[in-house]
Amino acid sequence: LPDRRLPGVVFVGVRDDGTCAGLNVDDALLRRLAGLRDE
């Protein structure tokens, strides 16, 4: 909507203050995230 013509980024495993949350980013999580597009 702001017409930036730049990609948006969702950092998964990052707290609101920008620090690492220690989330285990494994293949199952990556597949789950990729699957959001196809739902």
PDB file of all heavy atoms in Angstrom:
ATOM      1  N   LEU A   1       0.799  -1.228   0.000  1.00  0.00           N
ATOM      2  CA  LEU A   1       0.000   0.000   0.000  1.00  0.00           C
ATOM      3  C   LEU A   1       0.833   1.280   0.000  1.00  0.00           C
ATOM      4  O   LEU A   1       0.441   2.255  -0.637  1.00  0.00           O
ATOM      5  CB  LEU A   1      -0.990  -0.015   1.165  1.00  0.00           C
ATOM      6  CG  LEU A   1      -2.070  -1.100   1.056  1.00  0.00           C
ATOM      7  CD1 LEU A   1      -2.968  -1.086   2.284  1.00  0.00           C
ATOM      8  CD2 LEU A   1      -2.886  -0.934  -0.211  1.00  0.00           C
ATOM      9  N   PRO A   2       2.009   1.320   0.663  1.00  0.00           N
ATOM     10  CA  PRO A   2       2.818   2.537   0.576  1.00  0.00           C
ATOM     11  C   PRO A   2       3.511   2.693  -0.785  1.00  0.00           C
ATOM     12  O   PRO A   2       4.173   3.692  -1.024  1.00  0.00           O
ATOM     13  CB  PRO A   2       3.867   2.376   1.682  1.00  0.00           C
ATOM     14  CG  PRO A   2       3.409   1.276   2.538  1.00  0.00           C
ATOM     15  CD  PRO A   2       2.507   0.420   1.688  1.00  0.00           C
ATOM     16  N   ASP A   3       3.349   1.704  -1.661  1.00  0.00           N
ATOM     17  CA  ASP A   3       3.935   1.708  -3.004  1.00  0.00           C
ATOM     18  C   ASP A   3       5.452   1.891  -2.972  1.00  0.00           C
ATOM     19  O   ASP A   3       6.024   2.621  -3.763  1.00  0.00           O
ATOM     20  CB  ASP A   3       3.286   2.788  -3.872  1.00  0.00           C
ATOM     21  CG  ASP A   3       3.546   2.553  -5.361  1.00  0.00           C
ATOM     22  OD1 ASP A   3       3.699   1.387  -5.766  1.00  0.00           O
ATOM     23  OD2 ASP A   3       3.627   3.544  -6.112  1.00  0.00           O
ATOM     24  N   ARG A   4       6.093   1.164  -2.073  1.00  0.00           N
ATOM     25  CA  ARG A   4       7.553   1.240  -1.952  1.00  0.00           C
ATOM     26  C   ARG A   4       8.262   0.430  -3.046  1.00  0.00           C
ATOM     27  O   ARG A   4       9.416   0.670  -3.334  1.00  0.00           O
ATOM     28  CB  ARG A   4       7.995   0.762  -0.584  1.00  0.00           C
ATOM     29  CG  ARG A   4       7.504   1.648   0.527  1.00  0.00           C
ATOM     30  CD  ARG A   4       8.276   1.365   1.786  1.00  0.00           C
ATOM     31  NE  ARG A   4       7.778   2.133   2.905  1.00  0.00           N
ATOM     32  CZ  ARG A   4       8.121   3.375   3.165  1.00  0.00           C
ATOM     33  NH1 ARG A   4       8.938   4.005   2.365  1.00  0.00           N
ATOM     34  NH2 ARG A   4       7.627   4.003   4.212  1.00  0.00           N
ATOM     35  N   ARG A   5       7.554  -0.553  -3.582  1.00  0.00           N
ATOM     36  CA  ARG A   5       8.136  -1.436  -4.602  1.00  0.00           C
ATOM     37  C   ARG A   5       9.403  -2.124  -4.108  1.00  0.00           C
ATOM     38  O   ARG A   5      10.348  -2.343  -4.860  1.00  0.00           O
ATOM     39  CB  ARG A   5       8.374  -0.679  -5.902  1.00  0.00           C
ATOM     40  CG  ARG A   5       7.081  -0.144  -6.471  1.00  0.00           C
ATOM     41  CD  ARG A   5       7.291   0.744  -7.641  1.00  0.00           C
ATOM     42  NE  ARG A   5       6.041   1.421  -7.949  1.00  0.00           N
ATOM     43  CZ  ARG A   5       5.452   1.352  -9.121  1.00  0.00           C
ATOM     44  NH1 ARG A   5       5.976   0.678 -10.088  1.00  0.00           N
ATOM     45  NH2 ARG A   5       4.322   1.995  -9.307  1.00  0.00           N
ATOM     46  N   LEU A   6       9.383  -2.430  -2.819  1.00  0.00           N
ATOM     47  CA  LEU A   6      10.470  -3.133  -2.155  1.00  0.00           C
ATOM     48  C   LEU A   6       9.868  -4.301  -1.378  1.00  0.00           C
ATOM     49  O   LEU A   6       8.728  -4.215  -0.927  1.00  0.00           O
ATOM     50  CB  LEU A   6      11.203  -2.205  -1.183  1.00  0.00           C
ATOM     51  CG  LEU A   6      11.927  -1.014  -1.804  1.00  0.00           C
ATOM     52  CD1 LEU A   6      12.339  -0.025  -0.715  1.00  0.00           C
ATOM     53  CD2 LEU A   6      13.137  -1.477  -2.594  1.00  0.00           C
ATOM     54  N   PRO A   7      10.617  -5.366  -1.208  1.00  0.00           N
ATOM     55  CA  PRO A   7      10.051  -6.512  -0.488  1.00  0.00           C
ATOM     56  C   PRO A   7       9.860  -6.231   0.994  1.00  0.00           C
ATOM     57  O   PRO A   7      10.643  -5.508   1.612  1.00  0.00           O
ATOM     58  CB  PRO A   7      11.093  -7.614  -0.700  1.00  0.00           C
ATOM     59  CG  PRO A   7      12.369  -6.894  -0.968  1.00  0.00           C
ATOM     60  CD  PRO A   7      11.980  -5.623  -1.669  1.00  0.00           C
ATOM     61  N   GLY A   8       8.798  -6.802   1.538  1.00  0.00           N
ATOM     62  CA  GLY A   8       8.589  -6.790   2.979  1.00  0.00           C
ATOM     63  C   GLY A   8       9.249  -8.028   3.554  1.00  0.00           C
ATOM     64  O   GLY A   8       9.399  -9.045   2.874  1.00  0.00           O
ATOM     65  N   VAL A   9       9.658  -7.946   4.814  1.00  0.00           N
ATOM     66  CA  VAL A   9      10.364  -9.050   5.447  1.00  0.00           C
ATOM     67  C   VAL A   9       9.725  -9.355   6.791  1.00  0.00           C
ATOM     68  O   VAL A   9       9.505  -8.444   7.600  1.00  0.00           O
ATOM     69  CB  VAL A   9      11.861  -8.711   5.661  1.00  0.00           C
ATOM     70  CG1 VAL A   9      12.578  -9.849   6.371  1.00  0.00           C
ATOM     71  CG2 VAL A   9      12.531  -8.407   4.334  1.00  0.00           C
ATOM     72  N   VAL A  10       9.426 -10.628   7.020  1.00  0.00           N
ATOM     73  CA  VAL A  10       8.971 -11.083   8.327  1.00  0.00           C
ATOM     74  C   VAL A  10      10.113 -11.892   8.924  1.00  0.00           C
ATOM     75  O   VAL A  10      10.498 -12.928   8.380  1.00  0.00           O
ATOM     76  CB  VAL A  10       7.699 -11.958   8.226  1.00  0.00           C
ATOM     77  CG1 VAL A  10       7.282 -12.431   9.610  1.00  0.00           C
ATOM     78  CG2 VAL A  10       6.571 -11.201   7.551  1.00  0.00           C
ATOM     79  N   PHE A  11      10.681 -11.382  10.008  1.00  0.00           N
ATOM     80  CA  PHE A  11      11.734 -12.099  10.721  1.00  0.00           C
ATOM     81  C   PHE A  11      11.060 -12.987  11.756  1.00  0.00           C
ATOM     82  O   PHE A  11      10.495 -12.486  12.727  1.00  0.00           O
ATOM     83  CB  PHE A  11      12.679 -11.125  11.434  1.00  0.00           C
ATOM     84  CG  PHE A  11      13.581 -10.344  10.523  1.00  0.00           C
ATOM     85  CD1 PHE A  11      13.250  -9.067  10.107  1.00  0.00           C
ATOM     86  CD2 PHE A  11      14.788 -10.891  10.100  1.00  0.00           C
ATOM     87  CE1 PHE A  11      14.100  -8.341   9.294  1.00  0.00           C
ATOM     88  CE2 PHE A  11      15.641 -10.173   9.279  1.00  0.00           C
ATOM     89  CZ  PHE A  11      15.301  -8.899   8.865  1.00  0.00           C
ATOM     90  N   VAL A  12      11.102 -14.294  11.552  1.00  0.00           N
ATOM     91  CA  VAL A  12      10.520 -15.245  12.501  1.00  0.00           C
ATOM     92  C   VAL A  12      11.634 -15.674  13.451  1.00  0.00           C
ATOM     93  O   VAL A  12      12.743 -16.006  13.013  1.00  0.00           O
ATOM     94  CB  VAL A  12       9.919 -16.459  11.771  1.00  0.00           C
ATOM     95  CG1 VAL A  12       9.401 -17.484  12.763  1.00  0.00           C
ATOM     96  CG2 VAL A  12       8.798 -16.011  10.840  1.00  0.00           C
ATOM     97  N   GLY A  13      11.341 -15.648  14.741  1.00  0.00           N
ATOM     98  CA  GLY A  13      12.344 -15.985  15.750  1.00  0.00           C
ATOM     99  C   GLY A  13      13.023 -14.743  16.293  1.00  0.00           C
ATOM    100  O   GLY A  13      14.095 -14.820  16.894  1.00  0.00           O
ATOM    101  N   VAL A  14      12.388 -13.581  16.107  1.00  0.00           N
ATOM    102  CA  VAL A  14      12.930 -12.308  16.581  1.00  0.00           C
ATOM    103  C   VAL A  14      11.899 -11.641  17.486  1.00  0.00           C
ATOM    104  O   VAL A  14      10.728 -11.508  17.108  1.00  0.00           O
ATOM    105  CB  VAL A  14      13.294 -11.387  15.390  1.00  0.00           C
ATOM    106  CG1 VAL A  14      13.767 -10.034  15.886  1.00  0.00           C
ATOM    107  CG2 VAL A  14      14.352 -12.034  14.510  1.00  0.00           C
ATOM    108  N   ARG A  15      12.349 -11.219  18.662  1.00  0.00           N
ATOM    109  CA  ARG A  15      11.465 -10.507  19.598  1.00  0.00           C
ATOM    110  C   ARG A  15      11.192  -9.093  19.099  1.00  0.00           C
ATOM    111  O   ARG A  15      11.904  -8.580  18.235  1.00  0.00           O
ATOM    112  CB  ARG A  15      12.120 -10.437  20.982  1.00  0.00           C
ATOM    113  CG  ARG A  15      12.259 -11.772  21.659  1.00  0.00           C
ATOM    114  CD  ARG A  15      12.842 -11.584  23.069  1.00  0.00           C
ATOM    115  NE  ARG A  15      13.116 -12.867  23.657  1.00  0.00           N
ATOM    116  CZ  ARG A  15      14.310 -13.467  23.643  1.00  0.00           C
ATOM    117  NH1 ARG A  15      15.351 -12.882  23.071  1.00  0.00           N
ATOM    118  NH2 ARG A  15      14.474 -14.644  24.202  1.00  0.00           N
ATOM    119  N   ASP A  16      10.199  -8.435  19.682  1.00  0.00           N
ATOM    120  CA  ASP A  16       9.832  -7.071  19.283  1.00  0.00           C
ATOM    121  C   ASP A  16      10.990  -6.084  19.431  1.00  0.00           C
ATOM    122  O   ASP A  16      11.033  -5.076  18.742  1.00  0.00           O
ATOM    123  CB  ASP A  16       8.631  -6.567  20.081  1.00  0.00           C
ATOM    124  CG  ASP A  16       7.329  -7.202  19.615  1.00  0.00           C
ATOM    125  OD1 ASP A  16       7.286  -7.723  18.484  1.00  0.00           O
ATOM    126  OD2 ASP A  16       6.353  -7.171  20.381  1.00  0.00           O
ATOM    127  N   ASP A  17      11.936  -6.383  20.339  1.00  0.00           N
ATOM    128  CA  ASP A  17      13.078  -5.473  20.516  1.00  0.00           C
ATOM    129  C   ASP A  17      14.225  -5.785  19.554  1.00  0.00           C
ATOM    130  O   ASP A  17      15.292  -5.177  19.626  1.00  0.00           O
ATOM    131  CB  ASP A  17      13.565  -5.486  21.967  1.00  0.00           C
ATOM    132  CG  ASP A  17      14.136  -6.841  22.402  1.00  0.00           C
ATOM    133  OD1 ASP A  17      14.183  -7.791  21.588  1.00  0.00           O
ATOM    134  OD2 ASP A  17      14.523  -6.946  23.579  1.00  0.00           O
ATOM    135  N   GLY A  18      14.016  -6.752  18.643  1.00  0.00           N
ATOM    136  CA  GLY A  18      15.021  -7.081  17.635  1.00  0.00           C
ATOM    137  C   GLY A  18      16.038  -8.119  18.063  1.00  0.00           C
ATOM    138  O   GLY A  18      16.967  -8.418  17.322  1.00  0.00           O
ATOM    139  N   THR A  19      15.867  -8.697  19.245  1.00  0.00           N
ATOM    140  CA  THR A  19      16.808  -9.716  19.709  1.00  0.00           C
ATOM    141  C   THR A  19      16.320 -11.113  19.338  1.00  0.00           C
ATOM    142  O   THR A  19      15.127 -11.331  19.101  1.00  0.00           O
ATOM    143  CB  THR A  19      17.001  -9.640  21.246  1.00  0.00           C
ATOM    144  OG1 THR A  19      15.745  -9.863  21.886  1.00  0.00           O
ATOM    145  CG2 THR A  19      17.584  -8.304  21.653  1.00  0.00           C
ATOM    146  N   CYS A  20      17.238 -12.050  19.317  1.00  0.00           N
ATOM    147  CA  CYS A  20      16.929 -13.436  18.963  1.00  0.00           C
ATOM    148  C   CYS A  20      16.076 -14.084  20.044  1.00  0.00           C
ATOM    149  O   CYS A  20      16.366 -13.978  21.234  1.00  0.00           O
ATOM    150  CB  CYS A  20      18.233 -14.211  18.786  1.00  0.00           C
ATOM    151  SG  CYS A  20      17.984 -15.939  18.364  1.00  0.00           S
ATOM    152  N   ALA A  21      15.022 -14.766  19.616  1.00  0.00           N
ATOM    153  CA  ALA A  21      14.114 -15.436  20.554  1.00  0.00           C
ATOM    154  C   ALA A  21      14.512 -16.883  20.808  1.00  0.00           C
ATOM    155  O   ALA A  21      13.902 -17.559  21.622  1.00  0.00           O
ATOM    156  CB  ALA A  21      12.684 -15.386  20.019  1.00  0.00           C
ATOM    157  N   GLY A  22      15.541 -17.366  20.101  1.00  0.00           N
ATOM    158  CA  GLY A  22      15.990 -18.740  20.314  1.00  0.00           C
ATOM    159  C   GLY A  22      15.061 -19.788  19.729  1.00  0.00           C
ATOM    160  O   GLY A  22      15.079 -20.933  20.154  1.00  0.00           O
ATOM    161  N   LEU A  23      14.270 -19.409  18.754  1.00  0.00           N
ATOM    162  CA  LEU A  23      13.340 -20.337  18.116  1.00  0.00           C
ATOM    163  C   LEU A  23      14.107 -21.362  17.292  1.00  0.00           C
ATOM    164  O   LEU A  23      15.035 -21.014  16.556  1.00  0.00           O
ATOM    165  CB  LEU A  23      12.376 -19.563  17.218  1.00  0.00           C
ATOM    166  CG  LEU A  23      11.320 -20.362  16.456  1.00  0.00           C
ATOM    167  CD1 LEU A  23      10.326 -20.984  17.437  1.00  0.00           C
ATOM    168  CD2 LEU A  23      10.594 -19.455  15.480  1.00  0.00           C
ATOM    169  N   ASN A  24      13.733 -22.613  17.393  1.00  0.00           N
ATOM    170  CA  ASN A  24      14.350 -23.663  16.587  1.00  0.00           C
ATOM    171  C   ASN A  24      13.750 -23.601  15.181  1.00  0.00           C
ATOM    172  O   ASN A  24      12.600 -23.972  14.976  1.00  0.00           O
ATOM    173  CB  ASN A  24      14.115 -25.038  17.216  1.00  0.00           C
ATOM    174  CG  ASN A  24      14.749 -26.151  16.407  1.00  0.00           C
ATOM    175  OD1 ASN A  24      15.739 -25.941  15.715  1.00  0.00           O
ATOM    176  ND2 ASN A  24      14.177 -27.338  16.497  1.00  0.00           N
ATOM    177  N   VAL A  25      14.531 -23.132  14.245  1.00  0.00           N
ATOM    178  CA  VAL A  25      14.064 -23.008  12.861  1.00  0.00           C
ATOM    179  C   VAL A  25      14.526 -24.261  12.120  1.00  0.00           C
ATOM    180  O   VAL A  25      15.632 -24.324  11.593  1.00  0.00           O
ATOM    181  CB  VAL A  25      14.608 -21.726  12.197  1.00  0.00           C
ATOM    182  CG1 VAL A  25      14.104 -21.619  10.768  1.00  0.00           C
ATOM    183  CG2 VAL A  25      14.211 -20.509  12.999  1.00  0.00           C
ATOM    184  N   ASP A  26      13.651 -25.256  12.101  1.00  0.00           N
ATOM    185  CA  ASP A  26      13.971 -26.515  11.446  1.00  0.00           C
ATOM    186  C   ASP A  26      13.190 -26.646  10.139  1.00  0.00           C
ATOM    187  O   ASP A  26      12.430 -25.765   9.763  1.00  0.00           O
ATOM    188  CB  ASP A  26      13.694 -27.697  12.380  1.00  0.00           C
ATOM    189  CG  ASP A  26      12.258 -27.752  12.875  1.00  0.00           C
ATOM    190  OD1 ASP A  26      11.399 -27.015  12.333  1.00  0.00           O
ATOM    191  OD2 ASP A  26      11.985 -28.540  13.794  1.00  0.00           O
ATOM    192  N   ASP A  27      13.404 -27.748   9.447  1.00  0.00           N
ATOM    193  CA  ASP A  27      12.740 -27.956   8.156  1.00  0.00           C
ATOM    194  C   ASP A  27      11.222 -27.971   8.281  1.00  0.00           C
ATOM    195  O   ASP A  27      10.513 -27.477   7.402  1.00  0.00           O
ATOM    196  CB  ASP A  27      13.223 -29.249   7.504  1.00  0.00           C
ATOM    197  CG  ASP A  27      14.651 -29.151   7.000  1.00  0.00           C
ATOM    198  OD1 ASP A  27      15.134 -28.013   6.797  1.00  0.00           O
ATOM    199  OD2 ASP A  27      15.289 -30.202   6.802  1.00  0.00           O
ATOM    200  N   ALA A  28      10.710 -28.511   9.373  1.00  0.00           N
ATOM    201  CA  ALA A  28       9.254 -28.558   9.567  1.00  0.00           C
ATOM    202  C   ALA A  28       8.678 -27.146   9.668  1.00  0.00           C
ATOM    203  O   ALA A  28       7.639 -26.856   9.074  1.00  0.00           O
ATOM    204  CB  ALA A  28       8.912 -29.367  10.818  1.00  0.00           C
ATOM    205  N   LEU A  29       9.357 -26.265  10.385  1.00  0.00           N
ATOM    206  CA  LEU A  29       8.894 -24.879  10.501  1.00  0.00           C
ATOM    207  C   LEU A  29       8.965 -24.183   9.147  1.00  0.00           C
ATOM    208  O   LEU A  29       8.033 -23.481   8.758  1.00  0.00           O
ATOM    209  CB  LEU A  29       9.711 -24.115  11.535  1.00  0.00           C
ATOM    210  CG  LEU A  29       9.361 -22.633  11.683  1.00  0.00           C
ATOM    211  CD1 LEU A  29       7.902 -22.445  12.085  1.00  0.00           C
ATOM    212  CD2 LEU A  29      10.286 -21.965  12.672  1.00  0.00           C
ATOM    213  N   LEU A  30      10.037 -24.390   8.413  1.00  0.00           N
ATOM    214  CA  LEU A  30      10.166 -23.773   7.095  1.00  0.00           C
ATOM    215  C   LEU A  30       9.061 -24.238   6.153  1.00  0.00           C
ATOM    216  O   LEU A  30       8.485 -23.434   5.417  1.00  0.00           O
ATOM    217  CB  LEU A  30      11.544 -24.060   6.500  1.00  0.00           C
ATOM    218  CG  LEU A  30      12.732 -23.443   7.242  1.00  0.00           C
ATOM    219  CD1 LEU A  30      14.044 -23.951   6.657  1.00  0.00           C
ATOM    220  CD2 LEU A  30      12.668 -21.935   7.218  1.00  0.00           C
ATOM    221  N   ARG A  31       8.744 -25.526   6.183  1.00  0.00           N
ATOM    222  CA  ARG A  31       7.651 -26.048   5.346  1.00  0.00           C
ATOM    223  C   ARG A  31       6.317 -25.441   5.768  1.00  0.00           C
ATOM    224  O   ARG A  31       5.480 -25.093   4.927  1.00  0.00           O
ATOM    225  CB  ARG A  31       7.588 -27.570   5.419  1.00  0.00           C
ATOM    226  CG  ARG A  31       8.648 -28.271   4.583  1.00  0.00           C
ATOM    227  CD  ARG A  31       8.383 -29.762   4.460  1.00  0.00           C
ATOM    228  NE  ARG A  31       8.313 -30.435   5.750  1.00  0.00           N
ATOM    229  CZ  ARG A  31       9.353 -30.936   6.407  1.00  0.00           C
ATOM    230  NH1 ARG A  31      10.557 -30.835   5.902  1.00  0.00           N
ATOM    231  NH2 ARG A  31       9.192 -31.532   7.562  1.00  0.00           N
ATOM    232  N   ARG A  32       6.118 -25.315   7.076  1.00  0.00           N
ATOM    233  CA  ARG A  32       4.865 -24.730   7.580  1.00  0.00           C
ATOM    234  C   ARG A  32       4.731 -23.275   7.114  1.00  0.00           C
ATOM    235  O   ARG A  32       3.660 -22.851   6.674  1.00  0.00           O
ATOM    236  CB  ARG A  32       4.844 -24.806   9.100  1.00  0.00           C
ATOM    237  CG  ARG A  32       3.573 -24.285   9.695  1.00  0.00           C
ATOM    238  CD  ARG A  32       3.538 -24.546  11.176  1.00  0.00           C
ATOM    239  NE  ARG A  32       2.351 -23.916  11.733  1.00  0.00           N
ATOM    240  CZ  ARG A  32       2.272 -23.446  12.942  1.00  0.00           C
ATOM    241  NH1 ARG A  32       3.284 -23.538  13.757  1.00  0.00           N
ATOM    242  NH2 ARG A  32       1.161 -22.895  13.370  1.00  0.00           N
ATOM    243  N   LEU A  33       5.802 -22.520   7.204  1.00  0.00           N
ATOM    244  CA  LEU A  33       5.767 -21.125   6.764  1.00  0.00           C
ATOM    245  C   LEU A  33       5.527 -21.028   5.260  1.00  0.00           C
ATOM    246  O   LEU A  33       4.721 -20.216   4.810  1.00  0.00           O
ATOM    247  CB  LEU A  33       7.071 -20.413   7.137  1.00  0.00           C
ATOM    248  CG  LEU A  33       7.311 -20.215   8.631  1.00  0.00           C
ATOM    249  CD1 LEU A  33       8.729 -19.701   8.875  1.00  0.00           C
ATOM    250  CD2 LEU A  33       6.282 -19.286   9.227  1.00  0.00           C
ATOM    251  N   ALA A  34       6.205 -21.849   4.493  1.00  0.00           N
ATOM    252  CA  ALA A  34       6.016 -21.838   3.039  1.00  0.00           C
ATOM    253  C   ALA A  34       4.591 -22.239   2.677  1.00  0.00           C
ATOM    254  O   ALA A  34       4.020 -21.735   1.709  1.00  0.00           O
ATOM    255  CB  ALA A  34       7.021 -22.764   2.368  1.00  0.00           C
ATOM    256  N   GLY A  35       3.996 -23.115   3.453  1.00  0.00           N
ATOM    257  CA  GLY A  35       2.639 -23.578   3.195  1.00  0.00           C
ATOM    258  C   GLY A  35       1.574 -22.516   3.413  1.00  0.00           C
ATOM    259  O   GLY A  35       0.463 -22.641   2.901  1.00  0.00           O
ATOM    260  N   LEU A  36       1.906 -21.450   4.160  1.00  0.00           N
ATOM    261  CA  LEU A  36       0.930 -20.378   4.384  1.00  0.00           C
ATOM    262  C   LEU A  36       0.479 -19.762   3.068  1.00  0.00           C
ATOM    263  O   LEU A  36      -0.663 -19.360   2.916  1.00  0.00           O
ATOM    264  CB  LEU A  36       1.528 -19.286   5.278  1.00  0.00           C
ATOM    265  CG  LEU A  36       1.786 -19.660   6.718  1.00  0.00           C
ATOM    266  CD1 LEU A  36       2.501 -18.521   7.434  1.00  0.00           C
ATOM    267  CD2 LEU A  36       0.498 -20.011   7.429  1.00  0.00           C
ATOM    268  N   ARG A  37       1.373 -19.707   2.113  1.00  0.00           N
ATOM    269  CA  ARG A  37       1.072 -19.118   0.812  1.00  0.00           C
ATOM    270  C   ARG A  37       0.011 -19.940   0.068  1.00  0.00           C
ATOM    271  O   ARG A  37      -0.824 -19.394  -0.641  1.00  0.00           O
ATOM    272  CB  ARG A  37       2.359 -19.056  -0.015  1.00  0.00           C
ATOM    273  CG  ARG A  37       2.172 -18.517  -1.390  1.00  0.00           C
ATOM    274  CD  ARG A  37       3.531 -18.548  -2.117  1.00  0.00           C
ATOM    275  NE  ARG A  37       3.433 -17.957  -3.413  1.00  0.00           N
ATOM    276  CZ  ARG A  37       3.113 -18.614  -4.523  1.00  0.00           C
ATOM    277  NH1 ARG A  37       2.865 -19.889  -4.482  1.00  0.00           N
ATOM    278  NH2 ARG A  37       3.053 -17.983  -5.669  1.00  0.00           N
ATOM    279  N   ASP A  38       0.057 -21.241   0.231  1.00  0.00           N
ATOM    280  CA  ASP A  38      -0.790 -22.140  -0.548  1.00  0.00           C
ATOM    281  C   ASP A  38      -2.129 -22.453   0.097  1.00  0.00           C
ATOM    282  O   ASP A  38      -2.913 -23.204  -0.467  1.00  0.00           O
ATOM    283  CB  ASP A  38      -0.032 -23.438  -0.829  1.00  0.00           C
ATOM    284  CG  ASP A  38       1.243 -23.190  -1.615  1.00  0.00           C
ATOM    285  OD1 ASP A  38       1.247 -22.259  -2.442  1.00  0.00           O
ATOM    286  OD2 ASP A  38       2.223 -23.914  -1.387  1.00  0.00           O
ATOM    287  N   GLU A  39      -2.392 -21.905   1.275  1.00  0.00           N
ATOM    288  CA  GLU A  39      -3.647 -22.196   1.963  1.00  0.00           C
ATOM    289  C   GLU A  39      -4.835 -21.459   1.364  1.00  0.00           C
ATOM    290  O   GLU A  39      -5.970 -21.737   1.705  1.00  0.00           O
ATOM    291  CB  GLU A  39      -3.529 -21.844   3.451  1.00  0.00           C
ATOM    292  CG  GLU A  39      -2.586 -22.751   4.203  1.00  0.00           C
ATOM    293  CD  GLU A  39      -2.406 -22.333   5.646  1.00  0.00           C
ATOM    294  OE1 GLU A  39      -2.933 -21.276   6.054  1.00  0.00           O
ATOM    295  OE2 GLU A  39      -1.735 -23.070   6.378  1.00  0.00           O
TER     296      GLU A  39
END
